[in-house]
Amino acid sequence: MTAKRLMSGMRPTGRLHLGHYFGALTNWLHFQNMGGFDPYFSIVDWHALTTKYQNTSEVKGNIFEIALDWLCVGIDPELSTIYVQSAVPEIAELHLLFSMLTPHNWVEREPTLKDMVRMLDNDEAAAKEKVTYGLLGYPVLMASDILTFRGECVPVGKDQESHLEFARAVARRFNHVFNVDYFPEPKPEFTTTPLLKGVDGQKMGKSFNNDLKIADTDGDTTKKVKQMITDRTRIAKSDPGHVDLCEVPWPWYNVIDRDKPDVLALVKEECETAQIGCVACKSRLADHINDYFRPFREKREKLAANPEQVHKIIAHGNQKARKVAGETLAEVRDIMGMTNW
């Protein structure tokens, strides 16, 4: 049986946080390790330029940091292809070709693009000035990322569903316009992990300074966990708590200790009978998080001390990705009647 091609990627905006791990990487690992899939995982540095084109000084370093995070949690270069988007120029050419047949109003209606524009500036007029041609074409480039490798499956969060539907629409349009059945319509493979909040109860993100990172030390993790918002109705330590009102720690327990029902039962009982205060409960959670991620962090330190090995892994992945991308592009040119010189 032929392995199904699987593709996903992340922007190099800095070290990854635990939301990335549970929200995306665990899903990637599931498909990588279950067999029957040929995974391609891209560090999409061109996408980083869509909103950060003024400052590219950190992109190269961030590519290395993301590679470290992927490798330390178990993305295996023997089973998956790890590559940098800009090292595969065929993606850019396919993006150009797709842009010729993608209706303008499709791009304008893309909801995630609208959200990105709003994030640029609260002033609508100022935001419009910051919308570059590259940002406007963001959905088409994402479609090219997937379809260059003729990805059949894309592990994503629900917040990326509209992007994937856009890629499906581009695949359908290409096939219809040129009367072929060439590009598959990539199917989403959603993560089963619920959205994890940052320490302040808001969406976790580097820009919000509320995240826990894969690369954090035990001390950093403990300090951040102790800042987590708990049950706002519990005033004194002697007051019974309510796990259903515990905004951050209880959902985290349900992820970190989801395979330990006895632990979850104990935490719930101690909270709701006031046997333990929130400070002690968060300290215990910090210990559990540190125990979970300690093997990854130790592996990450070893990889960081041998950058040449990491660079070789990326270079090998780039070469493999270019070979597949080149085959796709040659076939697309042929279908479109463009000369392959």
C-alpha atoms as a PDB file:
ATOM      1  CA  MET A   1       0.000   0.000   0.000  1.00  0.00           C
ATOM      2  CA  THR A   2       1.322   3.444  -0.953  1.00  0.00           C
ATOM      3  CA  ALA A   3       1.904   5.742   2.013  1.00  0.00           C
ATOM      4  CA  LYS A   4      -0.331   8.806   2.168  1.00  0.00           C
ATOM      5  CA  ARG A   5       1.517  12.093   1.783  1.00  0.00           C
ATOM      6  CA  LEU A   6       1.070  14.301   4.845  1.00  0.00           C
ATOM      7  CA  MET A   7       2.152  17.955   5.101  1.00  0.00           C
ATOM      8  CA  SER A   8       2.148  20.632   7.780  1.00  0.00           C
ATOM      9  CA  GLY A   9       4.353  23.504   8.906  1.00  0.00           C
ATOM     10  CA  MET A  10       5.089  26.261  11.406  1.00  0.00           C
ATOM     11  CA  ARG A  11       6.337  29.823  11.123  1.00  0.00           C
ATOM     12  CA  PRO A  12       9.787  30.494  12.664  1.00  0.00           C
ATOM     13  CA  THR A  13       8.734  33.134  15.190  1.00  0.00           C
ATOM     14  CA  GLY A  14      10.754  31.820  18.140  1.00  0.00           C
ATOM     15  CA  ARG A  15      10.977  28.867  20.495  1.00  0.00           C
ATOM     16  CA  LEU A  16       7.792  26.819  20.581  1.00  0.00           C
ATOM     17  CA  HIS A  17       5.491  26.804  23.582  1.00  0.00           C
ATOM     18  CA  LEU A  18       3.565  23.928  25.113  1.00  0.00           C
ATOM     19  CA  GLY A  19       0.453  24.921  23.189  1.00  0.00           C
ATOM     20  CA  HIS A  20       2.366  24.116  19.995  1.00  0.00           C
ATOM     21  CA  TYR A  21       3.383  20.763  21.445  1.00  0.00           C
ATOM     22  CA  PHE A  22      -0.052  19.590  22.575  1.00  0.00           C
ATOM     23  CA  GLY A  23      -1.966  21.411  19.852  1.00  0.00           C
ATOM     24  CA  ALA A  24       0.137  20.333  16.869  1.00  0.00           C
ATOM     25  CA  LEU A  25       3.277  18.303  17.502  1.00  0.00           C
ATOM     26  CA  THR A  26       1.549  15.441  19.328  1.00  0.00           C
ATOM     27  CA  ASN A  27      -0.704  15.109  16.283  1.00  0.00           C
ATOM     28  CA  TRP A  28       2.317  15.101  13.966  1.00  0.00           C
ATOM     29  CA  LEU A  29       3.982  12.440  16.088  1.00  0.00           C
ATOM     30  CA  HIS A  30       0.849  10.303  16.019  1.00  0.00           C
ATOM     31  CA  PHE A  31       0.817  10.121  12.222  1.00  0.00           C
ATOM     32  CA  GLN A  32       4.595   9.815  11.935  1.00  0.00           C
ATOM     33  CA  ASN A  33       4.718   6.844  14.286  1.00  0.00           C
ATOM     34  CA  MET A  34       1.553   4.988  13.263  1.00  0.00           C
ATOM     35  CA  GLY A  35       2.907   4.127   9.802  1.00  0.00           C
ATOM     36  CA  GLY A  36       1.173   4.425   6.451  1.00  0.00           C
ATOM     37  CA  PHE A  37       2.077   8.113   6.063  1.00  0.00           C
ATOM     38  CA  ASP A  38       4.898  10.005   4.378  1.00  0.00           C
ATOM     39  CA  PRO A  39       5.157  13.210   6.460  1.00  0.00           C
ATOM     40  CA  TYR A  40       6.642  16.499   5.248  1.00  0.00           C
ATOM     41  CA  PHE A  41       7.101  19.158   7.922  1.00  0.00           C
ATOM     42  CA  SER A  42       8.090  22.644   6.823  1.00  0.00           C
ATOM     43  CA  ILE A  43       9.583  25.605   8.669  1.00  0.00           C
ATOM     44  CA  VAL A  44       7.684  28.209   6.666  1.00  0.00           C
ATOM     45  CA  ASP A  45      10.004  31.215   6.754  1.00  0.00           C
ATOM     46  CA  TRP A  46       8.352  33.025   3.834  1.00  0.00           C
ATOM     47  CA  HIS A  47       5.175  33.138   5.891  1.00  0.00           C
ATOM     48  CA  ALA A  48       7.088  34.872   8.660  1.00  0.00           C
ATOM     49  CA  LEU A  49       7.749  37.740   6.247  1.00  0.00           C
ATOM     50  CA  THR A  50       4.047  38.380   5.614  1.00  0.00           C
ATOM     51  CA  THR A  51       3.756  40.314   8.892  1.00  0.00           C
ATOM     52  CA  LYS A  52       7.403  40.725   9.962  1.00  0.00           C
ATOM     53  CA  TYR A  53       9.087  41.811   6.751  1.00  0.00           C
ATOM     54  CA  GLN A  54      10.664  44.850   8.448  1.00  0.00           C
ATOM     55  CA  ASN A  55      12.761  42.688  10.766  1.00  0.00           C
ATOM     56  CA  THR A  56      14.344  39.520   9.448  1.00  0.00           C
ATOM     57  CA  SER A  57      17.307  39.451  11.805  1.00  0.00           C
ATOM     58  CA  GLU A  58      15.871  36.641  13.947  1.00  0.00           C
ATOM     59  CA  VAL A  59      14.536  34.362  11.212  1.00  0.00           C
ATOM     60  CA  LYS A  60      17.693  32.273  10.750  1.00  0.00           C
ATOM     61  CA  GLY A  61      18.127  31.707  14.477  1.00  0.00           C
ATOM     62  CA  ASN A  62      14.446  30.901  14.903  1.00  0.00           C
ATOM     63  CA  ILE A  63      14.647  28.251  12.173  1.00  0.00           C
ATOM     64  CA  PHE A  64      17.348  26.505  14.184  1.00  0.00           C
ATOM     65  CA  GLU A  65      15.332  26.828  17.424  1.00  0.00           C
ATOM     66  CA  ILE A  66      12.216  25.298  15.861  1.00  0.00           C
ATOM     67  CA  ALA A  67      14.266  22.443  14.414  1.00  0.00           C
ATOM     68  CA  LEU A  68      15.607  21.773  17.908  1.00  0.00           C
ATOM     69  CA  ASP A  69      12.086  21.743  19.347  1.00  0.00           C
ATOM     70  CA  TRP A  70      10.804  19.370  16.667  1.00  0.00           C
ATOM     71  CA  LEU A  71      13.702  16.972  16.990  1.00  0.00           C
ATOM     72  CA  CYS A  72      13.757  16.891  20.769  1.00  0.00           C
ATOM     73  CA  VAL A  73      10.084  15.892  21.075  1.00  0.00           C
ATOM     74  CA  GLY A  74      10.500  13.059  18.581  1.00  0.00           C
ATOM     75  CA  ILE A  75      10.060  14.275  15.013  1.00  0.00           C
ATOM     76  CA  ASP A  76      12.353  11.707  13.416  1.00  0.00           C
ATOM     77  CA  PRO A  77      14.259  12.647  10.219  1.00  0.00           C
ATOM     78  CA  GLU A  78      14.343   8.954   9.350  1.00  0.00           C
ATOM     79  CA  LEU A  79      10.536   8.884   9.251  1.00  0.00           C
ATOM     80  CA  SER A  80       9.649  12.482   8.375  1.00  0.00           C
ATOM     81  CA  THR A  81      11.103  15.104   6.036  1.00  0.00           C
ATOM     82  CA  ILE A  82      12.078  18.321   7.836  1.00  0.00           C
ATOM     83  CA  TYR A  83      12.789  21.216   5.488  1.00  0.00           C
ATOM     84  CA  VAL A  84      12.858  25.002   5.225  1.00  0.00           C
ATOM     85  CA  GLN A  85      10.243  26.515   2.921  1.00  0.00           C
ATOM     86  CA  SER A  86      12.577  29.041   1.246  1.00  0.00           C
ATOM     87  CA  ALA A  87      15.039  26.257   0.418  1.00  0.00           C
ATOM     88  CA  VAL A  88      12.410  24.838  -1.949  1.00  0.00           C
ATOM     89  CA  PRO A  89      11.910  27.572  -4.607  1.00  0.00           C
ATOM     90  CA  GLU A  90       9.528  25.330  -6.542  1.00  0.00           C
ATOM     91  CA  ILE A  91       6.916  26.258  -3.926  1.00  0.00           C
ATOM     92  CA  ALA A  92       7.250  29.908  -4.955  1.00  0.00           C
ATOM     93  CA  GLU A  93       6.762  29.108  -8.635  1.00  0.00           C
ATOM     94  CA  LEU A  94       3.692  27.006  -7.923  1.00  0.00           C
ATOM     95  CA  HIS A  95       2.394  29.898  -5.820  1.00  0.00           C
ATOM     96  CA  LEU A  96       2.825  32.156  -8.841  1.00  0.00           C
ATOM     97  CA  LEU A  97       1.010  29.727 -11.143  1.00  0.00           C
ATOM     98  CA  PHE A  98      -1.844  29.279  -8.655  1.00  0.00           C
ATOM     99  CA  SER A  99      -2.148  33.052  -8.302  1.00  0.00           C
ATOM    100  CA  MET A 100      -2.979  33.252 -12.002  1.00  0.00           C
ATOM    101  CA  LEU A 101      -6.104  31.146 -11.576  1.00  0.00           C
ATOM    102  CA  THR A 102      -7.243  32.023  -8.040  1.00  0.00           C
ATOM    103  CA  PRO A 103     -10.112  34.553  -7.994  1.00  0.00           C
ATOM    104  CA  HIS A 104      -9.298  37.755  -6.135  1.00  0.00           C
ATOM    105  CA  ASN A 105     -12.465  37.621  -4.021  1.00  0.00           C
ATOM    106  CA  TRP A 106     -11.532  34.182  -2.707  1.00  0.00           C
ATOM    107  CA  VAL A 107      -8.509  35.724  -1.019  1.00  0.00           C
ATOM    108  CA  GLU A 108     -10.426  38.709   0.344  1.00  0.00           C
ATOM    109  CA  ARG A 109     -13.045  36.430   1.935  1.00  0.00           C
ATOM    110  CA  GLU A 110     -10.517  34.207   3.706  1.00  0.00           C
ATOM    111  CA  PRO A 111     -11.378  34.676   7.420  1.00  0.00           C
ATOM    112  CA  THR A 112      -7.942  33.913   8.863  1.00  0.00           C
ATOM    113  CA  LEU A 113      -6.411  36.545   6.586  1.00  0.00           C
ATOM    114  CA  LYS A 114      -8.928  39.067   7.919  1.00  0.00           C
ATOM    115  CA  ASP A 115      -7.863  38.198  11.472  1.00  0.00           C
ATOM    116  CA  MET A 116      -4.200  38.707  10.570  1.00  0.00           C
ATOM    117  CA  VAL A 117      -4.966  42.125   9.089  1.00  0.00           C
ATOM    118  CA  ARG A 118      -6.825  43.153  12.247  1.00  0.00           C
ATOM    119  CA  MET A 119      -3.850  42.085  14.364  1.00  0.00           C
ATOM    120  CA  LEU A 120      -1.538  44.435  12.469  1.00  0.00           C
ATOM    121  CA  ASP A 121      -3.174  47.556  13.818  1.00  0.00           C
ATOM    122  CA  ASN A 122      -6.339  48.553  15.638  1.00  0.00           C
ATOM    123  CA  ASP A 123      -6.636  51.508  13.265  1.00  0.00           C
ATOM    124  CA  GLU A 124      -8.318  50.152  10.126  1.00  0.00           C
ATOM    125  CA  ALA A 125      -6.719  52.736   7.836  1.00  0.00           C
ATOM    126  CA  ALA A 126      -3.246  52.087   9.257  1.00  0.00           C
ATOM    127  CA  ALA A 127      -3.790  48.342   8.965  1.00  0.00           C
ATOM    128  CA  LYS A 128      -4.611  48.641   5.271  1.00  0.00           C
ATOM    129  CA  GLU A 129      -1.268  50.384   4.666  1.00  0.00           C
ATOM    130  CA  LYS A 130       0.502  47.396   6.223  1.00  0.00           C
ATOM    131  CA  VAL A 131      -1.295  44.824   4.065  1.00  0.00           C
ATOM    132  CA  THR A 132       1.389  43.915   1.563  1.00  0.00           C
ATOM    133  CA  TYR A 133       0.947  41.944  -1.643  1.00  0.00           C
ATOM    134  CA  GLY A 134       2.645  39.056   0.142  1.00  0.00           C
ATOM    135  CA  LEU A 135       0.186  39.098   3.047  1.00  0.00           C
ATOM    136  CA  LEU A 136      -2.759  39.231   0.655  1.00  0.00           C
ATOM    137  CA  GLY A 137      -1.385  36.152  -1.089  1.00  0.00           C
ATOM    138  CA  TYR A 138      -0.814  34.299   2.172  1.00  0.00           C
ATOM    139  CA  PRO A 139      -3.667  31.792   1.600  1.00  0.00           C
ATOM    140  CA  VAL A 140      -2.418  31.002  -1.923  1.00  0.00           C
ATOM    141  CA  LEU A 141       1.096  30.432  -0.619  1.00  0.00           C
ATOM    142  CA  MET A 142      -0.245  28.114   2.058  1.00  0.00           C
ATOM    143  CA  ALA A 143      -2.138  26.179  -0.607  1.00  0.00           C
ATOM    144  CA  SER A 144       1.124  25.904  -2.549  1.00  0.00           C
ATOM    145  CA  ASP A 145       2.919  24.591   0.552  1.00  0.00           C
ATOM    146  CA  ILE A 146       0.476  21.712   0.719  1.00  0.00           C
ATOM    147  CA  LEU A 147      -0.125  21.013  -2.953  1.00  0.00           C
ATOM    148  CA  THR A 148       3.555  21.154  -3.949  1.00  0.00           C
ATOM    149  CA  PHE A 149       3.828  17.842  -2.113  1.00  0.00           C
ATOM    150  CA  ARG A 150       0.348  16.753  -3.214  1.00  0.00           C
ATOM    151  CA  GLY A 151      -0.506  16.402   0.446  1.00  0.00           C
ATOM    152  CA  GLU A 152      -3.500  14.196   1.085  1.00  0.00           C
ATOM    153  CA  CYS A 153      -3.674  14.834   4.831  1.00  0.00           C
ATOM    154  CA  VAL A 154      -2.904  17.943   6.854  1.00  0.00           C
ATOM    155  CA  PRO A 155      -2.792  17.762  10.664  1.00  0.00           C
ATOM    156  CA  VAL A 156      -4.145  21.115  11.844  1.00  0.00           C
ATOM    157  CA  GLY A 157      -6.037  22.808  14.635  1.00  0.00           C
ATOM    158  CA  LYS A 158      -9.638  23.871  14.082  1.00  0.00           C
ATOM    159  CA  ASP A 159      -8.445  27.479  13.735  1.00  0.00           C
ATOM    160  CA  GLN A 160      -6.668  26.513  10.500  1.00  0.00           C
ATOM    161  CA  GLU A 161      -9.689  24.832   8.932  1.00  0.00           C
ATOM    162  CA  SER A 162     -10.483  27.784   6.651  1.00  0.00           C
ATOM    163  CA  HIS A 163      -6.918  27.787   5.275  1.00  0.00           C
ATOM    164  CA  LEU A 164      -7.217  24.132   4.435  1.00  0.00           C
ATOM    165  CA  GLU A 165     -10.572  24.633   2.739  1.00  0.00           C
ATOM    166  CA  PHE A 166      -8.922  27.343   0.645  1.00  0.00           C
ATOM    167  CA  ALA A 167      -6.243  24.850  -0.446  1.00  0.00           C
ATOM    168  CA  ARG A 168      -8.954  22.344  -1.304  1.00  0.00           C
ATOM    169  CA  ALA A 169     -10.705  24.986  -3.412  1.00  0.00           C
ATOM    170  CA  VAL A 170      -7.472  25.790  -5.269  1.00  0.00           C
ATOM    171  CA  ALA A 171      -6.906  22.078  -5.972  1.00  0.00           C
ATOM    172  CA  ARG A 172     -10.464  21.732  -7.314  1.00  0.00           C
ATOM    173  CA  ARG A 173     -10.121  24.832  -9.484  1.00  0.00           C
ATOM    174  CA  PHE A 174      -6.827  23.669 -11.016  1.00  0.00           C
ATOM    175  CA  ASN A 175      -8.278  20.249 -11.769  1.00  0.00           C
ATOM    176  CA  HIS A 176     -11.416  21.793 -13.274  1.00  0.00           C
ATOM    177  CA  VAL A 177      -9.680  24.468 -15.365  1.00  0.00           C
ATOM    178  CA  PHE A 178      -7.246  21.992 -16.903  1.00  0.00           C
ATOM    179  CA  ASN A 179      -9.646  19.030 -16.961  1.00  0.00           C
ATOM    180  CA  VAL A 180      -7.398  16.749 -14.930  1.00  0.00           C
ATOM    181  CA  ASP A 181      -7.514  14.812 -11.683  1.00  0.00           C
ATOM    182  CA  TYR A 182      -4.044  15.785 -10.569  1.00  0.00           C
ATOM    183  CA  PHE A 183      -4.147  17.492  -7.185  1.00  0.00           C
ATOM    184  CA  PRO A 184      -5.801  15.656  -4.283  1.00  0.00           C
ATOM    185  CA  GLU A 185      -8.091  17.658  -2.017  1.00  0.00           C
ATOM    186  CA  PRO A 186      -6.180  17.582   1.281  1.00  0.00           C
ATOM    187  CA  LYS A 187      -8.202  16.379   4.235  1.00  0.00           C
ATOM    188  CA  PRO A 188      -7.810  17.826   7.753  1.00  0.00           C
ATOM    189  CA  GLU A 189      -6.677  15.668  10.623  1.00  0.00           C
ATOM    190  CA  PHE A 190      -7.693  17.699  13.663  1.00  0.00           C
ATOM    191  CA  THR A 191      -5.913  17.514  16.987  1.00  0.00           C
ATOM    192  CA  THR A 192      -7.955  16.043  19.835  1.00  0.00           C
ATOM    193  CA  THR A 193      -6.278  18.202  22.483  1.00  0.00           C
ATOM    194  CA  PRO A 194      -8.404  21.157  23.620  1.00  0.00           C
ATOM    195  CA  LEU A 195      -6.982  24.674  23.348  1.00  0.00           C
ATOM    196  CA  LEU A 196      -4.681  25.336  26.308  1.00  0.00           C
ATOM    197  CA  LYS A 197      -4.668  28.808  27.800  1.00  0.00           C
ATOM    198  CA  GLY A 198      -1.676  30.852  28.856  1.00  0.00           C
ATOM    199  CA  VAL A 199      -0.911  31.553  32.496  1.00  0.00           C
ATOM    200  CA  ASP A 200      -3.231  34.595  32.463  1.00  0.00           C
ATOM    201  CA  GLY A 201      -6.207  32.649  31.148  1.00  0.00           C
ATOM    202  CA  GLN A 202      -5.940  34.161  27.664  1.00  0.00           C
ATOM    203  CA  LYS A 203      -4.837  32.535  24.406  1.00  0.00           C
ATOM    204  CA  MET A 204      -1.279  31.300  24.785  1.00  0.00           C
ATOM    205  CA  GLY A 205       1.264  33.186  22.712  1.00  0.00           C
ATOM    206  CA  LYS A 206       4.803  34.501  22.754  1.00  0.00           C
ATOM    207  CA  SER A 207       3.611  38.047  22.060  1.00  0.00           C
ATOM    208  CA  PHE A 208       1.340  37.914  25.118  1.00  0.00           C
ATOM    209  CA  ASN A 209       4.205  36.840  27.404  1.00  0.00           C
ATOM    210  CA  ASN A 210       1.966  34.181  28.940  1.00  0.00           C
ATOM    211  CA  ASP A 211       3.418  30.993  27.475  1.00  0.00           C
ATOM    212  CA  LEU A 212       5.371  28.017  28.763  1.00  0.00           C
ATOM    213  CA  LYS A 213       8.065  26.924  26.342  1.00  0.00           C
ATOM    214  CA  ILE A 214       9.330  23.461  25.527  1.00  0.00           C
ATOM    215  CA  ALA A 215      12.865  24.764  26.154  1.00  0.00           C
ATOM    216  CA  ASP A 216      12.099  26.386  29.523  1.00  0.00           C
ATOM    217  CA  THR A 217      14.092  25.263  32.557  1.00  0.00           C
ATOM    218  CA  ASP A 218      12.395  23.602  35.515  1.00  0.00           C
ATOM    219  CA  GLY A 219      12.719  26.861  37.409  1.00  0.00           C
ATOM    220  CA  ASP A 220      11.205  28.932  34.601  1.00  0.00           C
ATOM    221  CA  THR A 221       8.288  26.526  34.324  1.00  0.00           C
ATOM    222  CA  THR A 222       7.596  26.535  38.053  1.00  0.00           C
ATOM    223  CA  LYS A 223       7.705  30.331  38.206  1.00  0.00           C
ATOM    224  CA  LYS A 224       5.238  30.660  35.335  1.00  0.00           C
ATOM    225  CA  VAL A 225       2.856  27.958  36.585  1.00  0.00           C
ATOM    226  CA  LYS A 226       2.612  29.702  39.960  1.00  0.00           C
ATOM    227  CA  GLN A 227       1.216  32.732  38.091  1.00  0.00           C
ATOM    228  CA  MET A 228      -1.673  30.726  36.597  1.00  0.00           C
ATOM    229  CA  ILE A 229      -5.200  32.009  37.130  1.00  0.00           C
ATOM    230  CA  THR A 230      -7.199  29.542  39.217  1.00  0.00           C
ATOM    231  CA  ASP A 231     -10.728  29.606  40.690  1.00  0.00           C
ATOM    232  CA  ARG A 232     -11.574  33.293  41.096  1.00  0.00           C
ATOM    233  CA  THR A 233     -14.415  32.452  43.523  1.00  0.00           C
ATOM    234  CA  ARG A 234     -12.049  30.791  46.006  1.00  0.00           C
ATOM    235  CA  ILE A 235     -10.865  33.522  48.359  1.00  0.00           C
ATOM    236  CA  ALA A 236      -9.320  31.680  51.316  1.00  0.00           C
ATOM    237  CA  LYS A 237      -7.337  28.452  51.370  1.00  0.00           C
ATOM    238  CA  SER A 238     -10.029  26.952  53.609  1.00  0.00           C
ATOM    239  CA  ASP A 239     -12.746  27.634  51.006  1.00  0.00           C
ATOM    240  CA  PRO A 240     -13.753  24.638  48.895  1.00  0.00           C
ATOM    241  CA  GLY A 241     -12.557  24.986  45.311  1.00  0.00           C
ATOM    242  CA  HIS A 242     -14.367  24.254  42.053  1.00  0.00           C
ATOM    243  CA  VAL A 243     -12.355  22.498  39.360  1.00  0.00           C
ATOM    244  CA  ASP A 244     -14.914  23.515  36.736  1.00  0.00           C
ATOM    245  CA  LEU A 245     -14.119  27.165  37.579  1.00  0.00           C
ATOM    246  CA  CYS A 246     -10.352  26.671  37.697  1.00  0.00           C
ATOM    247  CA  GLU A 247      -9.350  28.588  34.579  1.00  0.00           C
ATOM    248  CA  VAL A 248      -5.849  27.301  33.819  1.00  0.00           C
ATOM    249  CA  PRO A 249      -4.350  24.636  36.139  1.00  0.00           C
ATOM    250  CA  TRP A 250      -7.220  22.118  35.998  1.00  0.00           C
ATOM    251  CA  PRO A 251      -7.332  21.999  32.160  1.00  0.00           C
ATOM    252  CA  TRP A 252      -3.546  21.578  32.213  1.00  0.00           C
ATOM    253  CA  TYR A 253      -3.829  18.674  34.669  1.00  0.00           C
ATOM    254  CA  ASN A 254      -6.288  17.051  32.258  1.00  0.00           C
ATOM    255  CA  VAL A 255      -3.670  17.139  29.516  1.00  0.00           C
ATOM    256  CA  ILE A 256      -0.479  16.389  31.435  1.00  0.00           C
ATOM    257  CA  ASP A 257      -2.078  13.618  33.514  1.00  0.00           C
ATOM    258  CA  ARG A 258      -4.775  12.457  31.109  1.00  0.00           C
ATOM    259  CA  ASP A 259      -3.478   8.881  31.329  1.00  0.00           C
ATOM    260  CA  LYS A 260      -3.531   8.981  35.151  1.00  0.00           C
ATOM    261  CA  PRO A 261      -7.168   8.976  36.327  1.00  0.00           C
ATOM    262  CA  ASP A 262      -6.095   8.388  39.915  1.00  0.00           C
ATOM    263  CA  VAL A 263      -4.063  11.603  39.882  1.00  0.00           C
ATOM    264  CA  LEU A 264      -6.941  13.583  38.392  1.00  0.00           C
ATOM    265  CA  ALA A 265      -9.350  12.160  40.975  1.00  0.00           C
ATOM    266  CA  LEU A 266      -6.986  13.112  43.797  1.00  0.00           C
ATOM    267  CA  VAL A 267      -6.502  16.672  42.517  1.00  0.00           C
ATOM    268  CA  LYS A 268     -10.266  17.119  42.183  1.00  0.00           C
ATOM    269  CA  GLU A 269     -10.999  15.757  45.636  1.00  0.00           C
ATOM    270  CA  GLU A 270      -8.286  17.794  47.360  1.00  0.00           C
ATOM    271  CA  CYS A 271      -9.423  20.973  45.631  1.00  0.00           C
ATOM    272  CA  GLU A 272     -13.150  20.584  46.275  1.00  0.00           C
ATOM    273  CA  THR A 273     -12.681  19.617  49.929  1.00  0.00           C
ATOM    274  CA  ALA A 274     -10.090  22.345  50.596  1.00  0.00           C
ATOM    275  CA  GLN A 275      -7.417  19.819  51.528  1.00  0.00           C
ATOM    276  CA  ILE A 276      -4.919  21.767  49.443  1.00  0.00           C
ATOM    277  CA  GLY A 277      -4.555  25.407  48.479  1.00  0.00           C
ATOM    278  CA  CYS A 278      -4.115  26.729  44.956  1.00  0.00           C
ATOM    279  CA  VAL A 279      -0.432  27.589  45.512  1.00  0.00           C
ATOM    280  CA  ALA A 280       0.436  24.021  46.511  1.00  0.00           C
ATOM    281  CA  CYS A 281      -1.742  22.609  43.739  1.00  0.00           C
ATOM    282  CA  LYS A 282       0.077  24.721  41.131  1.00  0.00           C
ATOM    283  CA  SER A 283       3.462  23.685  42.529  1.00  0.00           C
ATOM    284  CA  ARG A 284       2.489  20.060  42.040  1.00  0.00           C
ATOM    285  CA  LEU A 285       1.319  20.800  38.500  1.00  0.00           C
ATOM    286  CA  ALA A 286       4.677  22.451  37.763  1.00  0.00           C
ATOM    287  CA  ASP A 287       6.436  19.280  38.947  1.00  0.00           C
ATOM    288  CA  HIS A 288       4.276  17.160  36.647  1.00  0.00           C
ATOM    289  CA  ILE A 289       4.972  19.413  33.663  1.00  0.00           C
ATOM    290  CA  ASN A 290       8.700  19.377  34.371  1.00  0.00           C
ATOM    291  CA  ASP A 291       8.710  15.581  34.714  1.00  0.00           C
ATOM    292  CA  TYR A 292       6.866  15.261  31.394  1.00  0.00           C
ATOM    293  CA  PHE A 293       9.207  17.531  29.453  1.00  0.00           C
ATOM    294  CA  ARG A 294      12.525  16.752  31.156  1.00  0.00           C
ATOM    295  CA  PRO A 295      13.574  14.040  28.643  1.00  0.00           C
ATOM    296  CA  PHE A 296      12.805  16.402  25.754  1.00  0.00           C
ATOM    297  CA  ARG A 297      14.750  19.242  27.335  1.00  0.00           C
ATOM    298  CA  GLU A 298      17.772  17.043  27.993  1.00  0.00           C
ATOM    299  CA  LYS A 299      17.732  15.871  24.370  1.00  0.00           C
ATOM    300  CA  ARG A 300      17.367  19.467  23.205  1.00  0.00           C
ATOM    301  CA  GLU A 301      20.477  20.542  25.120  1.00  0.00           C
ATOM    302  CA  LYS A 302      22.509  17.778  23.475  1.00  0.00           C
ATOM    303  CA  LEU A 303      21.274  18.734  20.010  1.00  0.00           C
ATOM    304  CA  ALA A 304      21.973  22.418  20.637  1.00  0.00           C
ATOM    305  CA  ALA A 305      25.547  21.513  21.522  1.00  0.00           C
ATOM    306  CA  ASN A 306      25.957  19.862  18.111  1.00  0.00           C
ATOM    307  CA  PRO A 307      24.540  22.389  15.615  1.00  0.00           C
ATOM    308  CA  GLU A 308      26.307  20.754  12.676  1.00  0.00           C
ATOM    309  CA  GLN A 309      24.163  17.641  13.131  1.00  0.00           C
ATOM    310  CA  VAL A 310      20.984  19.741  13.112  1.00  0.00           C
ATOM    311  CA  HIS A 311      22.094  21.634   9.996  1.00  0.00           C
ATOM    312  CA  LYS A 312      22.809  18.327   8.227  1.00  0.00           C
ATOM    313  CA  ILE A 313      19.309  17.073   9.056  1.00  0.00           C
ATOM    314  CA  ILE A 314      17.763  20.227   7.620  1.00  0.00           C
ATOM    315  CA  ALA A 315      19.983  20.147   4.516  1.00  0.00           C
ATOM    316  CA  HIS A 316      19.057  16.515   3.852  1.00  0.00           C
ATOM    317  CA  GLY A 317      15.368  17.344   4.254  1.00  0.00           C
ATOM    318  CA  ASN A 318      15.690  20.330   1.919  1.00  0.00           C
ATOM    319  CA  GLN A 319      17.247  18.143  -0.753  1.00  0.00           C
ATOM    320  CA  LYS A 320      14.548  15.490  -0.460  1.00  0.00           C
ATOM    321  CA  ALA A 321      11.777  18.097  -0.485  1.00  0.00           C
ATOM    322  CA  ARG A 322      13.200  19.773  -3.599  1.00  0.00           C
ATOM    323  CA  LYS A 323      13.241  16.485  -5.475  1.00  0.00           C
ATOM    324  CA  VAL A 324       9.541  15.871  -4.815  1.00  0.00           C
ATOM    325  CA  ALA A 325       8.643  19.527  -5.444  1.00  0.00           C
ATOM    326  CA  GLY A 326      10.545  19.485  -8.730  1.00  0.00           C
ATOM    327  CA  GLU A 327       8.577  16.477  -9.913  1.00  0.00           C
ATOM    328  CA  THR A 328       5.277  18.175  -9.063  1.00  0.00           C
ATOM    329  CA  LEU A 329       6.248  21.431 -10.759  1.00  0.00           C
ATOM    330  CA  ALA A 330       7.376  19.667 -13.950  1.00  0.00           C
ATOM    331  CA  GLU A 331       4.034  17.875 -14.158  1.00  0.00           C
ATOM    332  CA  VAL A 332       2.086  21.089 -13.454  1.00  0.00           C
ATOM    333  CA  ARG A 333       3.974  22.927 -16.192  1.00  0.00           C
ATOM    334  CA  ASP A 334       3.159  20.125 -18.590  1.00  0.00           C
ATOM    335  CA  ILE A 335      -0.535  20.163 -17.636  1.00  0.00           C
ATOM    336  CA  MET A 336      -0.667  23.953 -18.100  1.00  0.00           C
ATOM    337  CA  GLY A 337       1.157  23.833 -21.414  1.00  0.00           C
ATOM    338  CA  MET A 338       4.182  25.679 -20.067  1.00  0.00           C
ATOM    339  CA  THR A 339       7.520  24.684 -21.561  1.00  0.00           C
ATOM    340  CA  ASN A 340       9.862  22.651 -19.380  1.00  0.00           C
ATOM    341  CA  TRP A 341      13.226  23.930 -20.600  1.00  0.00           C
END
